[in-house]
Amino acid sequence: MVRTIRNLFVTVLLSFIVVPVTAQDSYRAQMQGLDEQVQEVKSDVLSIAADLSRLEEKLLYPSNTQLSLFVEMTPDDSFRLDSVQIAINGQSVAHHIYSFKELEALAAGGVQRIYTGNVATGEHSLAVSMGGKLKSGSDFSWSETFSFNKGVEPKLVGIRLIGPGAGDAAISVGDW
């Protein structure tokens, strides 16, 4: 009889140990399934956000009126660029003050999209101003005005900042 009670006691004790272990395994499986569902939802939300962003750009900047301006620099250590201002048809559309990292990227051949907007087809004026410091430490500013023709297709314009030591052509503009 003592043996039967002891066996019963051991059986009850083992059931208390086994039940929580299986409950924890079940809980872990549920949590893992929930985590996978959350990751799928995140992926879907990011995909939808990217689609909405593309749609927004198409709606805001239709291809027949879209104009994008890009800035690049020639690798020249005779000056340090501080800022660029851009106006289209006399209206200021972009102004940027450059950080050290941005200047490093531009000097290494990088390109900055400084403006994307809408303009009607036809002839337009583009005024570009840049400011900075010469190697000697003195400040400089340079401005030039260009004209461009916007057709029905999207217009991509590259603005190359050459520097004030280049004489007449410190800034050049061309189609991309």
N, C-alpha and C. Protein backbone atom coordinates (compact mmCIF):
# COMPACT_ATOMS: atom_id res chain seq x y z
N MET A 1 0.82 -1.18 0.00
CA MET A 1 0.00 0.00 0.00
C MET A 1 0.87 1.25 0.00
N VAL A 2 1.93 1.23 0.75
CA VAL A 2 2.84 2.36 0.77
C VAL A 2 3.44 2.55 -0.63
N ARG A 3 3.70 1.42 -1.27
CA ARG A 3 4.25 1.50 -2.61
C ARG A 3 3.24 2.11 -3.57
N THR A 4 2.00 1.81 -3.46
CA THR A 4 0.95 2.36 -4.33
C THR A 4 0.81 3.85 -4.10
N ILE A 5 0.87 4.26 -2.86
CA ILE A 5 0.76 5.70 -2.55
C ILE A 5 1.97 6.44 -3.10
N ARG A 6 3.13 5.80 -2.96
CA ARG A 6 4.34 6.44 -3.47
C ARG A 6 4.27 6.54 -4.99
N ASN A 7 3.82 5.53 -5.68
CA ASN A 7 3.68 5.57 -7.14
C ASN A 7 2.67 6.64 -7.56
N LEU A 8 1.57 6.71 -6.81
CA LEU A 8 0.57 7.73 -7.10
C LEU A 8 1.14 9.13 -6.89
N PHE A 9 1.90 9.31 -5.84
CA PHE A 9 2.53 10.59 -5.54
C PHE A 9 3.53 10.96 -6.64
N VAL A 10 4.34 10.02 -7.10
CA VAL A 10 5.32 10.27 -8.16
C VAL A 10 4.60 10.62 -9.46
N THR A 11 3.49 9.93 -9.75
CA THR A 11 2.73 10.20 -10.97
C THR A 11 2.14 11.60 -10.94
N VAL A 12 1.58 11.99 -9.81
CA VAL A 12 1.01 13.34 -9.68
C VAL A 12 2.12 14.38 -9.79
N LEU A 13 3.25 14.15 -9.19
CA LEU A 13 4.38 15.08 -9.24
C LEU A 13 4.89 15.22 -10.67
N LEU A 14 5.01 14.14 -11.40
CA LEU A 14 5.45 14.20 -12.79
C LEU A 14 4.46 14.94 -13.67
N SER A 15 3.18 14.81 -13.39
CA SER A 15 2.18 15.51 -14.19
C SER A 15 2.30 17.01 -14.00
N PHE A 16 2.67 17.47 -12.80
CA PHE A 16 2.87 18.90 -12.58
C PHE A 16 4.10 19.42 -13.33
N ILE A 17 5.09 18.58 -13.52
CA ILE A 17 6.30 18.98 -14.22
C ILE A 17 6.08 18.95 -15.73
N VAL A 18 5.40 17.95 -16.27
CA VAL A 18 5.20 17.78 -17.70
C VAL A 18 4.21 18.80 -18.26
N VAL A 19 3.14 19.10 -17.55
CA VAL A 19 2.11 20.01 -18.04
C VAL A 19 2.67 21.40 -18.31
N PRO A 20 3.45 22.03 -17.40
CA PRO A 20 4.00 23.36 -17.72
C PRO A 20 4.97 23.34 -18.89
N VAL A 21 5.74 22.27 -19.07
CA VAL A 21 6.68 22.20 -20.18
C VAL A 21 5.92 22.19 -21.50
N THR A 22 4.85 21.40 -21.61
CA THR A 22 4.08 21.38 -22.85
C THR A 22 3.34 22.70 -23.03
N ALA A 23 2.92 23.34 -21.97
CA ALA A 23 2.26 24.64 -22.07
C ALA A 23 3.24 25.69 -22.59
N GLN A 24 4.49 25.64 -22.10
CA GLN A 24 5.50 26.58 -22.58
C GLN A 24 5.80 26.35 -24.06
N ASP A 25 5.90 25.11 -24.48
CA ASP A 25 6.14 24.80 -25.89
C ASP A 25 4.99 25.32 -26.75
N SER A 26 3.78 25.15 -26.30
CA SER A 26 2.61 25.63 -27.03
C SER A 26 2.63 27.15 -27.11
N TYR A 27 2.98 27.80 -26.01
CA TYR A 27 3.05 29.26 -25.96
C TYR A 27 4.13 29.77 -26.92
N ARG A 28 5.29 29.11 -26.92
CA ARG A 28 6.37 29.51 -27.83
C ARG A 28 5.95 29.36 -29.29
N ALA A 29 5.28 28.27 -29.60
CA ALA A 29 4.83 28.05 -30.97
C ALA A 29 3.83 29.14 -31.38
N GLN A 30 2.93 29.51 -30.48
CA GLN A 30 1.96 30.57 -30.79
C GLN A 30 2.67 31.90 -31.00
N MET A 31 3.65 32.21 -30.16
CA MET A 31 4.39 33.47 -30.27
C MET A 31 5.18 33.51 -31.58
N GLN A 32 5.79 32.39 -31.95
CA GLN A 32 6.54 32.35 -33.20
C GLN A 32 5.61 32.56 -34.39
N GLY A 33 4.45 31.93 -34.36
CA GLY A 33 3.47 32.12 -35.43
C GLY A 33 3.00 33.57 -35.50
N LEU A 34 2.78 34.18 -34.34
CA LEU A 34 2.36 35.58 -34.30
C LEU A 34 3.47 36.49 -34.83
N ASP A 35 4.72 36.20 -34.47
CA ASP A 35 5.84 36.99 -34.95
C ASP A 35 5.96 36.91 -36.47
N GLU A 36 5.76 35.72 -37.04
CA GLU A 36 5.81 35.56 -38.49
C GLU A 36 4.69 36.36 -39.16
N GLN A 37 3.51 36.37 -38.56
CA GLN A 37 2.40 37.14 -39.12
C GLN A 37 2.71 38.64 -39.09
N VAL A 38 3.31 39.11 -38.00
CA VAL A 38 3.67 40.53 -37.88
C VAL A 38 4.69 40.89 -38.96
N GLN A 39 5.67 40.03 -39.21
CA GLN A 39 6.67 40.30 -40.23
C GLN A 39 6.04 40.36 -41.62
N GLU A 40 5.07 39.48 -41.90
CA GLU A 40 4.37 39.52 -43.18
C GLU A 40 3.59 40.83 -43.34
N VAL A 41 2.93 41.26 -42.27
CA VAL A 41 2.17 42.52 -42.32
C VAL A 41 3.12 43.69 -42.55
N LYS A 42 4.28 43.70 -41.87
CA LYS A 42 5.26 44.76 -42.06
C LYS A 42 5.72 44.81 -43.51
N SER A 43 6.01 43.65 -44.08
CA SER A 43 6.45 43.58 -45.47
C SER A 43 5.37 44.12 -46.40
N ASP A 44 4.12 43.75 -46.16
CA ASP A 44 3.02 44.24 -46.98
C ASP A 44 2.86 45.75 -46.87
N VAL A 45 2.99 46.29 -45.65
CA VAL A 45 2.86 47.73 -45.43
C VAL A 45 3.97 48.48 -46.15
N LEU A 46 5.21 47.98 -46.10
CA LEU A 46 6.32 48.64 -46.79
C LEU A 46 6.12 48.61 -48.30
N SER A 47 5.62 47.52 -48.81
CA SER A 47 5.35 47.42 -50.24
C SER A 47 4.27 48.41 -50.66
N ILE A 48 3.22 48.51 -49.88
CA ILE A 48 2.13 49.45 -50.18
C ILE A 48 2.64 50.89 -50.10
N ALA A 49 3.48 51.19 -49.11
CA ALA A 49 4.03 52.54 -48.97
C ALA A 49 4.88 52.90 -50.19
N ALA A 50 5.68 51.96 -50.69
CA ALA A 50 6.49 52.23 -51.88
C ALA A 50 5.60 52.47 -53.09
N ASP A 51 4.55 51.67 -53.24
CA ASP A 51 3.61 51.87 -54.35
C ASP A 51 2.93 53.23 -54.26
N LEU A 52 2.53 53.62 -53.05
CA LEU A 52 1.89 54.93 -52.87
C LEU A 52 2.85 56.07 -53.18
N SER A 53 4.10 55.91 -52.80
CA SER A 53 5.10 56.94 -53.08
C SER A 53 5.28 57.12 -54.59
N ARG A 54 5.37 56.00 -55.32
CA ARG A 54 5.49 56.09 -56.78
C ARG A 54 4.25 56.73 -57.40
N LEU A 55 3.08 56.35 -56.92
CA LEU A 55 1.84 56.93 -57.43
C LEU A 55 1.77 58.42 -57.13
N GLU A 56 2.17 58.81 -55.91
CA GLU A 56 2.17 60.22 -55.54
C GLU A 56 3.08 61.03 -56.46
N GLU A 57 4.28 60.48 -56.76
CA GLU A 57 5.20 61.19 -57.63
C GLU A 57 4.62 61.34 -59.03
N LYS A 58 3.95 60.29 -59.52
CA LYS A 58 3.33 60.38 -60.85
C LYS A 58 2.21 61.41 -60.88
N LEU A 59 1.46 61.51 -59.77
CA LEU A 59 0.36 62.48 -59.72
C LEU A 59 0.87 63.90 -59.55
N LEU A 60 1.86 64.08 -58.69
CA LEU A 60 2.38 65.43 -58.42
C LEU A 60 3.25 65.95 -59.56
N TYR A 61 4.01 65.04 -60.18
CA TYR A 61 4.93 65.45 -61.23
C TYR A 61 4.66 64.61 -62.49
N PRO A 62 3.59 64.93 -63.21
CA PRO A 62 3.31 64.18 -64.45
C PRO A 62 4.49 64.30 -65.41
N SER A 63 4.72 63.27 -66.20
CA SER A 63 5.91 63.23 -67.04
C SER A 63 5.95 64.37 -68.05
N ASN A 64 4.81 64.87 -68.48
CA ASN A 64 4.83 65.94 -69.48
C ASN A 64 5.20 67.30 -68.89
N THR A 65 5.21 67.46 -67.58
CA THR A 65 5.60 68.73 -66.97
C THR A 65 6.77 68.59 -66.00
N GLN A 66 7.31 67.40 -65.84
CA GLN A 66 8.34 67.15 -64.83
C GLN A 66 9.70 67.72 -65.23
N LEU A 67 10.33 68.39 -64.27
CA LEU A 67 11.68 68.92 -64.41
C LEU A 67 12.47 68.49 -63.19
N SER A 68 13.63 67.89 -63.41
CA SER A 68 14.52 67.53 -62.32
C SER A 68 15.88 68.16 -62.55
N LEU A 69 16.43 68.76 -61.50
CA LEU A 69 17.74 69.41 -61.56
C LEU A 69 18.72 68.64 -60.69
N PHE A 70 19.90 68.38 -61.24
CA PHE A 70 20.95 67.64 -60.54
C PHE A 70 22.20 68.50 -60.45
N VAL A 71 22.89 68.41 -59.31
CA VAL A 71 24.11 69.18 -59.10
C VAL A 71 25.28 68.21 -59.00
N GLU A 72 26.39 68.57 -59.68
CA GLU A 72 27.63 67.82 -59.56
C GLU A 72 28.78 68.82 -59.52
N MET A 73 29.92 68.37 -59.01
CA MET A 73 31.10 69.23 -58.92
C MET A 73 32.25 68.57 -59.66
N THR A 74 33.12 69.42 -60.19
CA THR A 74 34.37 68.88 -60.73
C THR A 74 35.33 68.71 -59.55
N PRO A 75 36.16 67.70 -59.57
CA PRO A 75 37.11 67.53 -58.47
C PRO A 75 38.16 68.63 -58.52
N ASP A 76 37.97 69.65 -57.71
CA ASP A 76 38.83 70.82 -57.71
C ASP A 76 39.04 71.27 -56.28
N ASP A 77 40.28 71.40 -55.88
CA ASP A 77 40.54 71.81 -54.50
C ASP A 77 40.86 73.30 -54.39
N SER A 78 40.56 74.07 -55.44
CA SER A 78 40.85 75.50 -55.39
C SER A 78 39.74 76.28 -54.68
N PHE A 79 38.62 75.63 -54.39
CA PHE A 79 37.54 76.29 -53.67
C PHE A 79 36.75 75.26 -52.86
N ARG A 80 36.03 75.77 -51.86
CA ARG A 80 35.12 74.93 -51.07
C ARG A 80 33.72 75.48 -51.23
N LEU A 81 32.82 74.65 -51.71
CA LEU A 81 31.43 75.06 -51.92
C LEU A 81 30.71 75.11 -50.58
N ASP A 82 29.95 76.18 -50.36
CA ASP A 82 29.14 76.29 -49.15
C ASP A 82 27.65 76.14 -49.44
N SER A 83 27.19 76.78 -50.52
CA SER A 83 25.75 76.76 -50.79
C SER A 83 25.46 76.94 -52.28
N VAL A 84 24.24 76.52 -52.64
CA VAL A 84 23.74 76.69 -54.01
C VAL A 84 22.30 77.18 -53.91
N GLN A 85 21.96 78.17 -54.76
CA GLN A 85 20.60 78.67 -54.86
C GLN A 85 20.18 78.55 -56.32
N ILE A 86 18.93 78.13 -56.54
CA ILE A 86 18.43 77.96 -57.90
C ILE A 86 17.08 78.64 -58.03
N ALA A 87 16.92 79.37 -59.14
CA ALA A 87 15.64 80.02 -59.44
C ALA A 87 15.25 79.65 -60.87
N ILE A 88 13.97 79.39 -61.07
CA ILE A 88 13.43 79.12 -62.40
C ILE A 88 12.45 80.23 -62.72
N ASN A 89 12.67 80.89 -63.86
CA ASN A 89 11.83 82.01 -64.29
C ASN A 89 11.70 83.08 -63.20
N GLY A 90 12.79 83.33 -62.50
CA GLY A 90 12.81 84.36 -61.47
C GLY A 90 12.26 83.95 -60.12
N GLN A 91 11.77 82.73 -60.00
CA GLN A 91 11.20 82.27 -58.73
C GLN A 91 12.15 81.25 -58.09
N SER A 92 12.53 81.51 -56.85
CA SER A 92 13.44 80.61 -56.14
C SER A 92 12.78 79.25 -55.92
N VAL A 93 13.47 78.18 -56.32
CA VAL A 93 12.92 76.83 -56.18
C VAL A 93 13.77 75.94 -55.29
N ALA A 94 15.05 76.27 -55.09
CA ALA A 94 15.91 75.41 -54.27
C ALA A 94 17.03 76.23 -53.67
N HIS A 95 17.38 75.86 -52.45
CA HIS A 95 18.50 76.45 -51.74
C HIS A 95 19.08 75.35 -50.86
N HIS A 96 20.39 75.14 -50.95
CA HIS A 96 20.99 74.07 -50.16
C HIS A 96 22.32 74.52 -49.59
N ILE A 97 22.54 74.26 -48.31
CA ILE A 97 23.81 74.50 -47.64
C ILE A 97 24.45 73.13 -47.41
N TYR A 98 25.67 72.96 -47.88
CA TYR A 98 26.32 71.65 -47.90
C TYR A 98 27.08 71.34 -46.62
N SER A 99 26.95 70.09 -46.19
CA SER A 99 27.72 69.59 -45.06
C SER A 99 29.04 69.03 -45.58
N PHE A 100 29.94 68.72 -44.68
CA PHE A 100 31.23 68.17 -45.06
C PHE A 100 31.07 66.85 -45.79
N LYS A 101 30.19 65.98 -45.29
CA LYS A 101 29.96 64.67 -45.92
C LYS A 101 29.39 64.82 -47.33
N GLU A 102 28.48 65.76 -47.51
CA GLU A 102 27.90 66.00 -48.84
C GLU A 102 28.97 66.49 -49.81
N LEU A 103 29.86 67.37 -49.33
CA LEU A 103 30.93 67.88 -50.19
C LEU A 103 31.90 66.76 -50.57
N GLU A 104 32.18 65.86 -49.62
CA GLU A 104 33.03 64.71 -49.92
C GLU A 104 32.41 63.84 -51.01
N ALA A 105 31.10 63.61 -50.90
CA ALA A 105 30.41 62.79 -51.89
C ALA A 105 30.42 63.45 -53.26
N LEU A 106 30.17 64.75 -53.32
CA LEU A 106 30.19 65.46 -54.59
C LEU A 106 31.59 65.46 -55.21
N ALA A 107 32.60 65.65 -54.38
CA ALA A 107 33.98 65.66 -54.88
C ALA A 107 34.40 64.29 -55.38
N ALA A 108 33.79 63.23 -54.85
CA ALA A 108 34.12 61.87 -55.28
C ALA A 108 33.31 61.44 -56.50
N GLY A 109 32.57 62.37 -57.09
CA GLY A 109 31.80 62.04 -58.29
C GLY A 109 30.32 61.85 -58.05
N GLY A 110 29.86 62.11 -56.85
CA GLY A 110 28.44 61.98 -56.54
C GLY A 110 27.60 63.06 -57.20
N VAL A 111 26.31 62.81 -57.25
CA VAL A 111 25.37 63.74 -57.85
C VAL A 111 24.21 63.94 -56.88
N GLN A 112 23.74 65.16 -56.76
CA GLN A 112 22.62 65.49 -55.87
C GLN A 112 21.42 65.92 -56.70
N ARG A 113 20.27 65.29 -56.45
CA ARG A 113 19.04 65.80 -57.06
C ARG A 113 18.57 66.92 -56.15
N ILE A 114 18.67 68.13 -56.62
CA ILE A 114 18.37 69.29 -55.78
C ILE A 114 16.93 69.77 -55.96
N TYR A 115 16.30 69.42 -57.08
CA TYR A 115 14.94 69.92 -57.31
C TYR A 115 14.20 68.98 -58.26
N THR A 116 12.94 68.74 -57.96
CA THR A 116 12.00 68.09 -58.88
C THR A 116 10.70 68.87 -58.78
N GLY A 117 10.19 69.28 -59.91
CA GLY A 117 8.96 70.06 -59.91
C GLY A 117 8.32 70.06 -61.28
N ASN A 118 7.34 70.91 -61.43
CA ASN A 118 6.58 71.00 -62.68
C ASN A 118 6.84 72.33 -63.36
N VAL A 119 7.05 72.28 -64.67
CA VAL A 119 7.11 73.48 -65.49
C VAL A 119 6.36 73.19 -66.79
N ALA A 120 5.80 74.21 -67.35
CA ALA A 120 5.06 74.06 -68.61
C ALA A 120 6.05 73.87 -69.76
N THR A 121 5.56 73.36 -70.85
CA THR A 121 6.42 73.24 -72.03
C THR A 121 6.76 74.64 -72.53
N GLY A 122 7.94 74.75 -73.12
CA GLY A 122 8.36 76.04 -73.66
C GLY A 122 9.71 76.46 -73.14
N GLU A 123 10.05 77.71 -73.38
CA GLU A 123 11.34 78.28 -73.01
C GLU A 123 11.30 78.80 -71.56
N HIS A 124 12.37 78.52 -70.81
CA HIS A 124 12.46 78.93 -69.40
C HIS A 124 13.87 79.42 -69.09
N SER A 125 13.99 80.22 -68.02
CA SER A 125 15.31 80.66 -67.57
C SER A 125 15.65 79.97 -66.26
N LEU A 126 16.92 79.68 -66.10
CA LEU A 126 17.44 78.99 -64.91
C LEU A 126 18.59 79.81 -64.36
N ALA A 127 18.44 80.33 -63.14
CA ALA A 127 19.50 81.10 -62.50
C ALA A 127 20.13 80.25 -61.40
N VAL A 128 21.45 80.10 -61.46
CA VAL A 128 22.18 79.29 -60.50
C VAL A 128 23.20 80.19 -59.81
N SER A 129 23.19 80.17 -58.48
CA SER A 129 24.16 80.93 -57.69
C SER A 129 24.86 79.99 -56.74
N MET A 130 26.16 80.15 -56.60
CA MET A 130 26.90 79.35 -55.62
C MET A 130 27.78 80.26 -54.81
N GLY A 131 28.04 79.84 -53.59
CA GLY A 131 28.90 80.60 -52.70
C GLY A 131 29.82 79.67 -51.95
N GLY A 132 30.96 80.19 -51.54
CA GLY A 132 31.90 79.37 -50.80
C GLY A 132 33.15 80.14 -50.44
N LYS A 133 34.24 79.41 -50.29
CA LYS A 133 35.53 80.01 -49.93
C LYS A 133 36.58 79.54 -50.92
N LEU A 134 37.45 80.46 -51.27
CA LEU A 134 38.59 80.13 -52.11
C LEU A 134 39.67 79.48 -51.26
N LYS A 135 40.64 78.89 -51.90
CA LYS A 135 41.75 78.26 -51.18
C LYS A 135 42.49 79.28 -50.32
N SER A 136 42.51 80.54 -50.77
CA SER A 136 43.17 81.60 -50.02
C SER A 136 42.42 81.99 -48.76
N GLY A 137 41.16 81.54 -48.63
CA GLY A 137 40.37 81.86 -47.45
C GLY A 137 39.35 82.95 -47.68
N SER A 138 39.39 83.62 -48.82
CA SER A 138 38.42 84.68 -49.08
C SER A 138 37.12 84.10 -49.60
N ASP A 139 36.03 84.78 -49.28
CA ASP A 139 34.70 84.35 -49.72
C ASP A 139 34.51 84.65 -51.21
N PHE A 140 33.68 83.85 -51.85
CA PHE A 140 33.32 84.12 -53.23
C PHE A 140 31.85 83.77 -53.42
N SER A 141 31.25 84.43 -54.41
CA SER A 141 29.91 84.05 -54.86
C SER A 141 29.89 84.22 -56.37
N TRP A 142 29.14 83.35 -57.03
CA TRP A 142 29.11 83.36 -58.48
C TRP A 142 27.69 83.04 -58.91
N SER A 143 27.18 83.77 -59.87
CA SER A 143 25.83 83.54 -60.39
C SER A 143 25.86 83.55 -61.91
N GLU A 144 25.07 82.68 -62.48
CA GLU A 144 24.91 82.64 -63.94
C GLU A 144 23.47 82.30 -64.25
N THR A 145 23.02 82.79 -65.40
CA THR A 145 21.65 82.51 -65.87
C THR A 145 21.73 81.78 -67.19
N PHE A 146 20.91 80.76 -67.31
CA PHE A 146 20.87 79.93 -68.52
C PHE A 146 19.43 79.85 -68.99
N SER A 147 19.25 79.44 -70.23
CA SER A 147 17.90 79.18 -70.71
C SER A 147 17.83 77.72 -71.15
N PHE A 148 16.63 77.15 -71.04
CA PHE A 148 16.41 75.77 -71.47
C PHE A 148 15.01 75.66 -72.03
N ASN A 149 14.82 74.67 -72.87
CA ASN A 149 13.53 74.44 -73.50
C ASN A 149 12.94 73.16 -72.93
N LYS A 150 11.72 73.24 -72.41
CA LYS A 150 11.03 72.07 -71.86
C LYS A 150 10.08 71.55 -72.91
N GLY A 151 10.27 70.29 -73.31
CA GLY A 151 9.38 69.64 -74.26
C GLY A 151 8.29 68.88 -73.52
N VAL A 152 7.66 67.95 -74.21
CA VAL A 152 6.57 67.16 -73.63
C VAL A 152 7.11 66.10 -72.67
N GLU A 153 8.30 65.59 -72.95
CA GLU A 153 8.88 64.55 -72.12
C GLU A 153 9.50 65.14 -70.85
N PRO A 154 9.76 64.31 -69.83
CA PRO A 154 10.42 64.80 -68.62
C PRO A 154 11.78 65.42 -68.97
N LYS A 155 12.14 66.48 -68.27
CA LYS A 155 13.39 67.18 -68.54
C LYS A 155 14.34 66.96 -67.37
N LEU A 156 15.54 66.48 -67.68
CA LEU A 156 16.59 66.30 -66.68
C LEU A 156 17.72 67.25 -67.02
N VAL A 157 18.09 68.11 -66.07
CA VAL A 157 19.12 69.12 -66.30
C VAL A 157 20.23 68.91 -65.28
N GLY A 158 21.46 68.84 -65.79
CA GLY A 158 22.63 68.71 -64.93
C GLY A 158 23.30 70.05 -64.77
N ILE A 159 23.62 70.40 -63.53
CA ILE A 159 24.31 71.66 -63.21
C ILE A 159 25.69 71.28 -62.69
N ARG A 160 26.72 71.65 -63.44
CA ARG A 160 28.09 71.33 -63.03
C ARG A 160 28.74 72.58 -62.44
N LEU A 161 29.20 72.45 -61.21
CA LEU A 161 29.87 73.55 -60.52
C LEU A 161 31.37 73.36 -60.71
N ILE A 162 31.97 74.26 -61.50
CA ILE A 162 33.37 74.12 -61.87
C ILE A 162 34.26 74.91 -60.92
N GLY A 163 33.79 76.05 -60.47
CA GLY A 163 34.56 76.85 -59.54
C GLY A 163 34.95 78.18 -60.13
N PRO A 164 35.24 79.17 -59.27
CA PRO A 164 35.53 80.52 -59.75
C PRO A 164 36.88 80.65 -60.43
N GLY A 165 37.77 79.71 -60.27
CA GLY A 165 39.08 79.79 -60.90
C GLY A 165 39.04 79.42 -62.37
N ALA A 166 37.88 78.99 -62.87
CA ALA A 166 37.77 78.53 -64.26
C ALA A 166 37.52 79.67 -65.23
N GLY A 167 37.55 80.90 -64.75
CA GLY A 167 37.36 82.05 -65.64
C GLY A 167 35.91 82.29 -65.95
N ASP A 168 35.54 82.21 -67.24
CA ASP A 168 34.18 82.54 -67.65
C ASP A 168 33.17 81.45 -67.34
N ALA A 169 33.60 80.23 -67.15
CA ALA A 169 32.66 79.11 -67.00
C ALA A 169 32.76 78.48 -65.62
N ALA A 170 32.29 79.18 -64.59
CA ALA A 170 32.30 78.64 -63.23
C ALA A 170 31.15 77.68 -63.01
N ILE A 171 30.10 77.81 -63.82
CA ILE A 171 28.92 76.95 -63.73
C ILE A 171 28.55 76.57 -65.16
N SER A 172 28.25 75.31 -65.38
CA SER A 172 27.76 74.92 -66.69
C SER A 172 26.49 74.09 -66.52
N VAL A 173 25.62 74.15 -67.52
CA VAL A 173 24.34 73.46 -67.48
C VAL A 173 24.19 72.66 -68.76
N GLY A 174 23.64 71.46 -68.62
CA GLY A 174 23.41 70.64 -69.79
C GLY A 174 22.32 69.60 -69.55
N ASP A 175 21.80 69.03 -70.63
CA ASP A 175 20.79 67.98 -70.51
C ASP A 175 21.43 66.70 -70.01
N TRP A 176 20.65 65.93 -69.30
CA TRP A 176 21.12 64.61 -68.83
C TRP A 176 20.33 63.56 -69.53
